[in-house]
Amino acid sequence: MLLQKLKDITTFVFDVDGVLTSGDVLAAESGELLRTFNIKDGYALQLAVKKGYHVCIISGGSGQAMQKRFAGLGIPEVFLGVSDKVVVFNDYLERNHLSAAEVLYMGDDLPDFNVMKLVGIPTCPADASPEIKAISQYVSPFNGGKTAVRDVIEKVLKVQGRWFDPNPSAADSSK
């Protein structure tokens, strides 16, 4: 059943803290909160964009470094500092003429719960909260920030026969 649903995915939506990062933040003297991103997740994200998938980030977190990271990967729709993810998600679907059924969403904690109830395939990292695991159709064996994002993107692209890039650039994931 899940494999069949993966064939219908056209859109990936991700939370940041706890999904694209481990959820740990380092508070700098300047007050900026620093995060670490996984380079393999970055490769999968830019490949999905390059292959024509819709990729969107919706996060309660914010920061200039996050904006730069996602811009470098070619992700056109990045919403940071979001308090109501459902409102932003529904607006995103409407503006892009998408159906919630074609969306794979990965979240890890209670702020993701309501939007995850709306999507075609709700997913989460291995270290997500119990409530999020309970509503996920797929729980990655990888923790947030440790290739959980690559795991779900790779699964979708492989099922759709679009994973392999014969001419990858070593710079694609490090932008």
N, C-alpha and C. Protein backbone atom coordinates (compact mmCIF):
# COMPACT_ATOMS: atom_id res chain seq x y z
N MET A 1 0.83 -1.20 0.00
CA MET A 1 0.00 0.00 0.00
C MET A 1 0.87 1.27 0.00
N LEU A 2 1.87 1.33 0.88
CA LEU A 2 2.73 2.51 0.94
C LEU A 2 3.49 2.70 -0.36
N LEU A 3 4.02 1.61 -0.92
CA LEU A 3 4.77 1.73 -2.18
C LEU A 3 3.90 2.32 -3.28
N GLN A 4 2.64 1.92 -3.35
CA GLN A 4 1.73 2.46 -4.35
C GLN A 4 1.52 3.95 -4.13
N LYS A 5 1.36 4.37 -2.87
CA LYS A 5 1.16 5.78 -2.57
C LYS A 5 2.40 6.61 -2.89
N LEU A 6 3.60 6.03 -2.76
CA LEU A 6 4.83 6.75 -3.09
C LEU A 6 4.86 7.14 -4.56
N LYS A 7 4.22 6.34 -5.40
CA LYS A 7 4.19 6.63 -6.84
C LYS A 7 3.44 7.91 -7.15
N ASP A 8 2.55 8.34 -6.24
CA ASP A 8 1.72 9.52 -6.48
C ASP A 8 2.31 10.81 -5.91
N ILE A 9 3.46 10.72 -5.25
CA ILE A 9 4.05 11.89 -4.60
C ILE A 9 4.70 12.82 -5.63
N THR A 10 4.32 14.09 -5.56
CA THR A 10 4.92 15.13 -6.41
C THR A 10 5.57 16.21 -5.56
N THR A 11 5.32 16.16 -4.24
CA THR A 11 5.67 17.27 -3.37
C THR A 11 6.22 16.77 -2.04
N PHE A 12 7.31 17.39 -1.60
CA PHE A 12 7.90 17.11 -0.29
C PHE A 12 7.81 18.36 0.56
N VAL A 13 7.33 18.20 1.79
CA VAL A 13 7.30 19.31 2.74
C VAL A 13 8.00 18.84 4.01
N PHE A 14 8.93 19.66 4.49
CA PHE A 14 9.72 19.29 5.66
C PHE A 14 9.71 20.37 6.73
N ASP A 15 9.67 19.91 7.97
CA ASP A 15 9.98 20.75 9.12
C ASP A 15 11.51 20.83 9.15
N VAL A 16 12.06 21.70 9.99
CA VAL A 16 13.51 21.84 10.07
C VAL A 16 14.06 21.19 11.34
N ASP A 17 13.81 21.82 12.48
CA ASP A 17 14.41 21.34 13.74
C ASP A 17 13.83 19.98 14.13
N GLY A 18 14.70 18.99 14.23
CA GLY A 18 14.29 17.63 14.55
C GLY A 18 14.05 16.77 13.32
N VAL A 19 14.06 17.38 12.14
CA VAL A 19 13.88 16.65 10.88
C VAL A 19 15.12 16.84 10.01
N LEU A 20 15.38 18.07 9.59
CA LEU A 20 16.59 18.37 8.81
C LEU A 20 17.79 18.61 9.72
N THR A 21 17.53 18.78 11.00
CA THR A 21 18.60 18.89 12.00
C THR A 21 18.28 17.92 13.12
N SER A 22 19.23 17.73 14.01
CA SER A 22 19.01 16.83 15.15
C SER A 22 18.06 17.45 16.18
N GLY A 23 17.80 18.73 16.04
CA GLY A 23 16.98 19.43 17.02
C GLY A 23 17.81 20.15 18.06
N ASP A 24 19.12 19.89 18.04
CA ASP A 24 20.01 20.61 18.95
C ASP A 24 20.32 21.98 18.35
N VAL A 25 20.42 22.99 19.19
CA VAL A 25 20.84 24.30 18.73
C VAL A 25 21.96 24.80 19.63
N LEU A 26 22.89 25.49 19.03
CA LEU A 26 23.99 26.10 19.75
C LEU A 26 23.72 27.59 19.80
N ALA A 27 23.59 28.13 21.01
CA ALA A 27 23.32 29.55 21.16
C ALA A 27 24.64 30.32 21.14
N ALA A 28 24.84 31.10 20.08
CA ALA A 28 26.06 31.90 19.93
C ALA A 28 25.97 33.15 20.80
N GLU A 29 27.12 33.75 21.08
CA GLU A 29 27.16 34.98 21.87
C GLU A 29 26.28 36.07 21.25
N SER A 30 26.18 36.06 19.92
CA SER A 30 25.38 37.07 19.21
C SER A 30 23.88 36.86 19.40
N GLY A 31 23.51 35.70 19.94
CA GLY A 31 22.09 35.37 20.11
C GLY A 31 21.57 34.48 19.00
N GLU A 32 22.37 34.30 17.94
CA GLU A 32 21.96 33.44 16.84
C GLU A 32 21.97 31.98 17.30
N LEU A 33 20.96 31.23 16.84
CA LEU A 33 20.89 29.81 17.13
C LEU A 33 21.47 29.05 15.95
N LEU A 34 22.53 28.29 16.17
CA LEU A 34 23.24 27.58 15.11
C LEU A 34 22.78 26.14 15.04
N ARG A 35 22.60 25.65 13.81
CA ARG A 35 22.14 24.29 13.56
C ARG A 35 23.12 23.59 12.63
N THR A 36 23.12 22.26 12.70
CA THR A 36 23.94 21.45 11.81
C THR A 36 23.02 20.68 10.86
N PHE A 37 23.32 20.76 9.56
CA PHE A 37 22.55 20.06 8.54
C PHE A 37 23.39 18.93 7.96
N ASN A 38 22.74 17.86 7.54
CA ASN A 38 23.43 16.71 6.97
C ASN A 38 23.60 16.90 5.46
N ILE A 39 24.80 16.69 4.98
CA ILE A 39 25.12 16.90 3.57
C ILE A 39 24.38 15.91 2.66
N LYS A 40 24.10 14.70 3.15
CA LYS A 40 23.36 13.72 2.33
C LYS A 40 21.90 14.11 2.19
N ASP A 41 21.33 14.70 3.25
CA ASP A 41 19.98 15.25 3.12
C ASP A 41 19.99 16.35 2.07
N GLY A 42 21.03 17.20 2.10
CA GLY A 42 21.14 18.29 1.14
C GLY A 42 21.20 17.78 -0.29
N TYR A 43 21.95 16.72 -0.51
CA TYR A 43 22.04 16.16 -1.87
C TYR A 43 20.66 15.71 -2.35
N ALA A 44 19.94 15.00 -1.49
CA ALA A 44 18.61 14.50 -1.88
C ALA A 44 17.64 15.66 -2.12
N LEU A 45 17.70 16.69 -1.30
CA LEU A 45 16.81 17.84 -1.48
C LEU A 45 17.05 18.53 -2.83
N GLN A 46 18.31 18.81 -3.14
CA GLN A 46 18.59 19.50 -4.41
C GLN A 46 18.27 18.62 -5.59
N LEU A 47 18.45 17.30 -5.45
CA LEU A 47 18.11 16.38 -6.54
C LEU A 47 16.61 16.37 -6.79
N ALA A 48 15.82 16.36 -5.71
CA ALA A 48 14.36 16.41 -5.87
C ALA A 48 13.94 17.69 -6.59
N VAL A 49 14.54 18.81 -6.24
CA VAL A 49 14.24 20.07 -6.92
C VAL A 49 14.64 19.97 -8.39
N LYS A 50 15.84 19.46 -8.64
CA LYS A 50 16.35 19.34 -10.00
C LYS A 50 15.46 18.42 -10.86
N LYS A 51 14.87 17.41 -10.23
CA LYS A 51 14.02 16.46 -10.96
C LYS A 51 12.58 16.97 -11.12
N GLY A 52 12.30 18.18 -10.61
CA GLY A 52 10.99 18.79 -10.83
C GLY A 52 9.96 18.60 -9.73
N TYR A 53 10.36 18.04 -8.61
CA TYR A 53 9.42 17.90 -7.49
C TYR A 53 9.26 19.26 -6.81
N HIS A 54 8.10 19.46 -6.24
CA HIS A 54 7.88 20.62 -5.38
C HIS A 54 8.52 20.29 -4.04
N VAL A 55 9.34 21.20 -3.52
CA VAL A 55 9.97 21.02 -2.21
C VAL A 55 9.70 22.29 -1.41
N CYS A 56 9.22 22.10 -0.20
CA CYS A 56 8.83 23.22 0.64
C CYS A 56 9.31 22.98 2.07
N ILE A 57 9.72 24.04 2.72
CA ILE A 57 10.13 24.01 4.12
C ILE A 57 9.13 24.85 4.91
N ILE A 58 8.58 24.27 5.99
CA ILE A 58 7.71 25.01 6.90
C ILE A 58 8.22 24.76 8.31
N SER A 59 8.68 25.82 8.97
CA SER A 59 9.29 25.66 10.28
C SER A 59 8.93 26.80 11.22
N GLY A 60 8.84 26.47 12.48
CA GLY A 60 8.68 27.50 13.50
C GLY A 60 9.98 28.22 13.76
N GLY A 61 11.09 27.57 13.46
CA GLY A 61 12.41 28.17 13.65
C GLY A 61 12.70 29.19 12.56
N SER A 62 13.73 29.99 12.81
CA SER A 62 14.11 30.98 11.81
C SER A 62 15.59 31.32 11.95
N GLY A 63 16.08 32.01 10.95
CA GLY A 63 17.48 32.42 10.97
C GLY A 63 18.02 32.63 9.57
N GLN A 64 18.93 33.56 9.45
CA GLN A 64 19.54 33.89 8.16
C GLN A 64 20.29 32.68 7.58
N ALA A 65 20.97 31.93 8.43
CA ALA A 65 21.73 30.77 7.95
C ALA A 65 20.80 29.71 7.34
N MET A 66 19.64 29.54 7.93
CA MET A 66 18.67 28.58 7.37
C MET A 66 18.23 29.03 5.98
N GLN A 67 17.91 30.31 5.85
CA GLN A 67 17.49 30.84 4.54
C GLN A 67 18.58 30.61 3.49
N LYS A 68 19.83 30.88 3.85
CA LYS A 68 20.94 30.70 2.91
C LYS A 68 21.11 29.23 2.53
N ARG A 69 21.01 28.35 3.51
CA ARG A 69 21.16 26.91 3.23
C ARG A 69 20.12 26.45 2.22
N PHE A 70 18.87 26.80 2.44
CA PHE A 70 17.80 26.33 1.56
C PHE A 70 17.86 27.00 0.19
N ALA A 71 18.24 28.25 0.15
CA ALA A 71 18.41 28.94 -1.14
C ALA A 71 19.52 28.27 -1.94
N GLY A 72 20.61 27.89 -1.26
CA GLY A 72 21.72 27.22 -1.93
C GLY A 72 21.35 25.88 -2.51
N LEU A 73 20.35 25.24 -1.92
CA LEU A 73 19.88 23.94 -2.43
C LEU A 73 18.80 24.10 -3.49
N GLY A 74 18.41 25.34 -3.76
CA GLY A 74 17.41 25.60 -4.80
C GLY A 74 15.98 25.42 -4.35
N ILE A 75 15.75 25.42 -3.05
CA ILE A 75 14.38 25.25 -2.54
C ILE A 75 13.68 26.60 -2.60
N PRO A 76 12.65 26.69 -3.45
CA PRO A 76 12.03 28.00 -3.69
C PRO A 76 11.04 28.46 -2.62
N GLU A 77 10.45 27.53 -1.92
CA GLU A 77 9.39 27.87 -0.96
C GLU A 77 9.86 27.54 0.44
N VAL A 78 10.26 28.56 1.19
CA VAL A 78 10.77 28.39 2.55
C VAL A 78 10.00 29.33 3.46
N PHE A 79 9.32 28.75 4.45
CA PHE A 79 8.52 29.52 5.39
C PHE A 79 9.07 29.28 6.79
N LEU A 80 9.68 30.31 7.35
CA LEU A 80 10.30 30.22 8.67
C LEU A 80 9.56 31.12 9.65
N GLY A 81 9.66 30.78 10.94
CA GLY A 81 8.98 31.56 11.96
C GLY A 81 7.47 31.37 11.92
N VAL A 82 7.03 30.21 11.46
CA VAL A 82 5.61 29.92 11.28
C VAL A 82 4.99 29.44 12.59
N SER A 83 3.87 30.03 12.97
CA SER A 83 3.19 29.58 14.18
C SER A 83 2.04 28.62 13.86
N ASP A 84 1.40 28.79 12.70
CA ASP A 84 0.30 27.89 12.31
C ASP A 84 0.65 27.24 10.97
N LYS A 85 1.19 26.05 11.05
CA LYS A 85 1.66 25.35 9.84
C LYS A 85 0.52 24.98 8.90
N VAL A 86 -0.67 24.73 9.43
CA VAL A 86 -1.81 24.35 8.58
C VAL A 86 -2.17 25.50 7.64
N VAL A 87 -2.21 26.71 8.13
CA VAL A 87 -2.54 27.88 7.30
C VAL A 87 -1.52 28.03 6.18
N VAL A 88 -0.24 27.96 6.51
CA VAL A 88 0.82 28.10 5.51
C VAL A 88 0.75 26.94 4.51
N PHE A 89 0.54 25.73 4.99
CA PHE A 89 0.45 24.55 4.12
C PHE A 89 -0.72 24.69 3.14
N ASN A 90 -1.90 25.03 3.62
CA ASN A 90 -3.06 25.15 2.74
C ASN A 90 -2.87 26.25 1.70
N ASP A 91 -2.25 27.36 2.10
CA ASP A 91 -1.96 28.44 1.16
C ASP A 91 -0.96 27.96 0.10
N TYR A 92 0.05 27.22 0.53
CA TYR A 92 1.04 26.67 -0.40
C TYR A 92 0.37 25.76 -1.44
N LEU A 93 -0.50 24.87 -0.97
CA LEU A 93 -1.22 23.98 -1.90
C LEU A 93 -2.04 24.78 -2.90
N GLU A 94 -2.77 25.75 -2.41
CA GLU A 94 -3.63 26.54 -3.29
C GLU A 94 -2.82 27.31 -4.33
N ARG A 95 -1.76 27.99 -3.90
CA ARG A 95 -0.94 28.78 -4.83
C ARG A 95 -0.27 27.92 -5.89
N ASN A 96 0.05 26.67 -5.54
CA ASN A 96 0.75 25.78 -6.48
C ASN A 96 -0.17 24.76 -7.15
N HIS A 97 -1.45 24.90 -6.92
CA HIS A 97 -2.46 24.01 -7.52
C HIS A 97 -2.15 22.53 -7.25
N LEU A 98 -1.90 22.25 -5.98
CA LEU A 98 -1.55 20.90 -5.54
C LEU A 98 -2.65 20.32 -4.67
N SER A 99 -2.69 19.00 -4.63
CA SER A 99 -3.60 18.28 -3.74
C SER A 99 -2.80 17.75 -2.56
N ALA A 100 -3.40 17.77 -1.38
CA ALA A 100 -2.72 17.26 -0.18
C ALA A 100 -2.36 15.78 -0.35
N ALA A 101 -3.12 15.06 -1.17
CA ALA A 101 -2.87 13.63 -1.39
C ALA A 101 -1.52 13.35 -2.05
N GLU A 102 -0.96 14.32 -2.77
CA GLU A 102 0.31 14.12 -3.47
C GLU A 102 1.52 14.61 -2.66
N VAL A 103 1.28 14.91 -1.37
CA VAL A 103 2.33 15.46 -0.51
C VAL A 103 2.84 14.43 0.49
N LEU A 104 4.17 14.34 0.58
CA LEU A 104 4.83 13.62 1.65
C LEU A 104 5.37 14.69 2.60
N TYR A 105 4.96 14.60 3.86
CA TYR A 105 5.39 15.57 4.87
C TYR A 105 6.19 14.83 5.93
N MET A 106 7.31 15.42 6.34
CA MET A 106 8.07 14.84 7.45
C MET A 106 8.12 15.85 8.58
N GLY A 107 7.61 15.42 9.73
CA GLY A 107 7.65 16.22 10.94
C GLY A 107 8.10 15.37 12.10
N ASP A 108 8.34 16.01 13.24
CA ASP A 108 8.88 15.25 14.37
C ASP A 108 8.21 15.52 15.71
N ASP A 109 7.39 16.57 15.79
CA ASP A 109 6.85 16.92 17.10
C ASP A 109 5.47 17.54 16.97
N LEU A 110 4.85 17.86 18.08
CA LEU A 110 3.45 18.28 18.11
C LEU A 110 3.10 19.45 17.19
N PRO A 111 3.97 20.45 16.94
CA PRO A 111 3.59 21.50 15.99
C PRO A 111 3.33 20.98 14.57
N ASP A 112 3.77 19.77 14.26
CA ASP A 112 3.56 19.17 12.94
C ASP A 112 2.29 18.33 12.87
N PHE A 113 1.71 18.01 14.00
CA PHE A 113 0.61 17.05 14.09
C PHE A 113 -0.55 17.38 13.16
N ASN A 114 -1.10 18.59 13.25
CA ASN A 114 -2.30 18.93 12.47
C ASN A 114 -2.07 18.92 10.98
N VAL A 115 -0.93 19.41 10.53
CA VAL A 115 -0.66 19.40 9.09
C VAL A 115 -0.40 17.97 8.62
N MET A 116 0.20 17.15 9.44
CA MET A 116 0.46 15.76 9.05
C MET A 116 -0.83 14.97 8.86
N LYS A 117 -1.88 15.36 9.54
CA LYS A 117 -3.17 14.68 9.39
C LYS A 117 -3.82 14.98 8.03
N LEU A 118 -3.32 15.99 7.33
CA LEU A 118 -3.91 16.41 6.06
C LEU A 118 -3.26 15.79 4.84
N VAL A 119 -2.02 15.32 4.95
CA VAL A 119 -1.23 14.95 3.76
C VAL A 119 -1.43 13.51 3.32
N GLY A 120 -0.98 13.23 2.11
CA GLY A 120 -1.07 11.88 1.56
C GLY A 120 -0.22 10.89 2.33
N ILE A 121 1.02 11.28 2.64
CA ILE A 121 1.92 10.39 3.37
C ILE A 121 2.63 11.17 4.47
N PRO A 122 2.14 11.03 5.71
CA PRO A 122 2.86 11.62 6.84
C PRO A 122 4.01 10.71 7.26
N THR A 123 5.19 11.29 7.44
CA THR A 123 6.37 10.51 7.81
C THR A 123 7.10 11.22 8.95
N CYS A 124 8.02 10.50 9.57
CA CYS A 124 8.81 11.11 10.64
C CYS A 124 10.14 10.39 10.81
N PRO A 125 11.10 11.06 11.46
CA PRO A 125 12.37 10.41 11.80
C PRO A 125 12.16 9.41 12.94
N ALA A 126 13.15 8.56 13.15
CA ALA A 126 13.08 7.53 14.20
C ALA A 126 12.92 8.12 15.59
N ASP A 127 13.47 9.31 15.81
CA ASP A 127 13.42 9.91 17.14
C ASP A 127 12.29 10.94 17.31
N ALA A 128 11.25 10.84 16.50
CA ALA A 128 10.10 11.73 16.62
C ALA A 128 9.33 11.42 17.90
N SER A 129 8.46 12.35 18.29
CA SER A 129 7.65 12.15 19.48
C SER A 129 6.66 11.00 19.25
N PRO A 130 6.22 10.35 20.31
CA PRO A 130 5.29 9.22 20.17
C PRO A 130 4.00 9.58 19.43
N GLU A 131 3.49 10.77 19.65
CA GLU A 131 2.25 11.18 18.98
C GLU A 131 2.45 11.29 17.47
N ILE A 132 3.60 11.74 17.05
CA ILE A 132 3.89 11.87 15.63
C ILE A 132 4.13 10.49 15.00
N LYS A 133 4.83 9.63 15.71
CA LYS A 133 5.03 8.26 15.22
C LYS A 133 3.69 7.56 15.03
N ALA A 134 2.76 7.81 15.93
CA ALA A 134 1.46 7.14 15.88
C ALA A 134 0.65 7.50 14.63
N ILE A 135 0.83 8.70 14.08
CA ILE A 135 0.07 9.09 12.89
C ILE A 135 0.87 8.97 11.60
N SER A 136 2.13 8.57 11.70
CA SER A 136 2.98 8.46 10.51
C SER A 136 2.74 7.15 9.78
N GLN A 137 2.69 7.22 8.47
CA GLN A 137 2.58 6.02 7.65
C GLN A 137 3.94 5.38 7.43
N TYR A 138 4.99 6.16 7.67
CA TYR A 138 6.34 5.64 7.56
C TYR A 138 7.21 6.33 8.60
N VAL A 139 7.93 5.52 9.39
CA VAL A 139 8.89 6.02 10.36
C VAL A 139 10.28 5.63 9.84
N SER A 140 11.07 6.63 9.48
CA SER A 140 12.41 6.35 8.98
C SER A 140 13.24 5.68 10.08
N PRO A 141 14.13 4.78 9.71
CA PRO A 141 15.02 4.20 10.72
C PRO A 141 16.13 5.18 11.14
N PHE A 142 16.17 6.35 10.52
CA PHE A 142 17.20 7.36 10.81
C PHE A 142 16.62 8.50 11.64
N ASN A 143 17.43 9.04 12.52
CA ASN A 143 17.03 10.17 13.34
C ASN A 143 17.01 11.46 12.53
N GLY A 144 16.36 12.48 13.08
CA GLY A 144 16.36 13.80 12.47
C GLY A 144 17.78 14.33 12.35
N GLY A 145 18.09 14.93 11.20
CA GLY A 145 19.43 15.46 10.97
C GLY A 145 20.46 14.40 10.64
N LYS A 146 20.03 13.14 10.56
CA LYS A 146 20.94 12.02 10.31
C LYS A 146 20.45 11.18 9.12
N THR A 147 20.02 11.82 8.08
CA THR A 147 19.59 11.27 6.79
C THR A 147 18.16 10.73 6.74
N ALA A 148 17.31 11.12 7.67
CA ALA A 148 15.90 10.74 7.59
C ALA A 148 15.26 11.36 6.34
N VAL A 149 15.65 12.60 6.02
CA VAL A 149 15.11 13.28 4.85
C VAL A 149 15.57 12.59 3.56
N ARG A 150 16.84 12.27 3.49
CA ARG A 150 17.32 11.55 2.31
C ARG A 150 16.59 10.22 2.16
N ASP A 151 16.35 9.54 3.27
CA ASP A 151 15.67 8.25 3.26
C ASP A 151 14.32 8.35 2.54
N VAL A 152 13.49 9.33 2.89
CA VAL A 152 12.16 9.40 2.28
C VAL A 152 12.22 9.90 0.84
N ILE A 153 13.10 10.85 0.56
CA ILE A 153 13.23 11.32 -0.82
C ILE A 153 13.73 10.19 -1.71
N GLU A 154 14.74 9.48 -1.24
CA GLU A 154 15.30 8.37 -2.03
C GLU A 154 14.24 7.30 -2.30
N LYS A 155 13.43 6.98 -1.31
CA LYS A 155 12.37 5.98 -1.50
C LYS A 155 11.40 6.40 -2.59
N VAL A 156 10.94 7.64 -2.54
CA VAL A 156 9.99 8.13 -3.54
C VAL A 156 10.62 8.12 -4.92
N LEU A 157 11.81 8.67 -5.04
CA LEU A 157 12.45 8.74 -6.35
C LEU A 157 12.77 7.36 -6.91
N LYS A 158 13.16 6.43 -6.05
CA LYS A 158 13.44 5.07 -6.53
C LYS A 158 12.17 4.38 -7.02
N VAL A 159 11.08 4.50 -6.27
CA VAL A 159 9.81 3.89 -6.67
C VAL A 159 9.35 4.48 -8.01
N GLN A 160 9.63 5.76 -8.22
CA GLN A 160 9.23 6.42 -9.45
C GLN A 160 10.29 6.32 -10.56
N GLY A 161 11.38 5.59 -10.29
CA GLY A 161 12.43 5.40 -11.29
C GLY A 161 13.20 6.67 -11.62
N ARG A 162 13.35 7.58 -10.62
CA ARG A 162 13.98 8.88 -10.89
C ARG A 162 15.15 9.18 -9.96
N TRP A 163 15.63 8.20 -9.21
CA TRP A 163 16.66 8.46 -8.19
C TRP A 163 18.04 8.75 -8.77
N PHE A 164 18.50 7.93 -9.66
CA PHE A 164 19.89 8.02 -10.10
C PHE A 164 20.12 9.23 -10.99
N ASP A 165 21.17 9.99 -10.69
CA ASP A 165 21.58 11.13 -11.51
C ASP A 165 22.91 10.75 -12.15
N PRO A 166 22.95 10.53 -13.47
CA PRO A 166 24.18 10.07 -14.12
C PRO A 166 25.32 11.09 -14.10
N ASN A 167 25.00 12.36 -13.85
CA ASN A 167 26.03 13.41 -13.84
C ASN A 167 25.94 14.26 -12.58
N PRO A 168 26.10 13.67 -11.41
CA PRO A 168 26.00 14.48 -10.19
C PRO A 168 27.21 15.39 -10.02
N SER A 169 26.98 16.51 -9.38
CA SER A 169 28.07 17.42 -9.07
C SER A 169 28.41 17.28 -7.59
N ALA A 170 29.68 17.25 -7.27
CA ALA A 170 30.09 17.15 -5.88
C ALA A 170 29.68 18.38 -5.11
N ALA A 171 29.41 19.48 -5.78
CA ALA A 171 29.03 20.73 -5.11
C ALA A 171 27.52 20.81 -4.84
N ASP A 172 26.72 19.89 -5.39
CA ASP A 172 25.27 19.99 -5.29
C ASP A 172 24.75 20.05 -3.86
N SER A 173 25.33 19.33 -2.93
CA SER A 173 24.77 19.26 -1.59
C SER A 173 25.45 20.18 -0.60
N SER A 174 26.49 20.87 -1.02
CA SER A 174 27.26 21.65 -0.06
C SER A 174 26.98 23.16 -0.15
N LYS A 175 26.02 23.55 -0.90
CA LYS A 175 25.73 24.98 -1.08
C LYS A 175 25.07 25.57 0.15
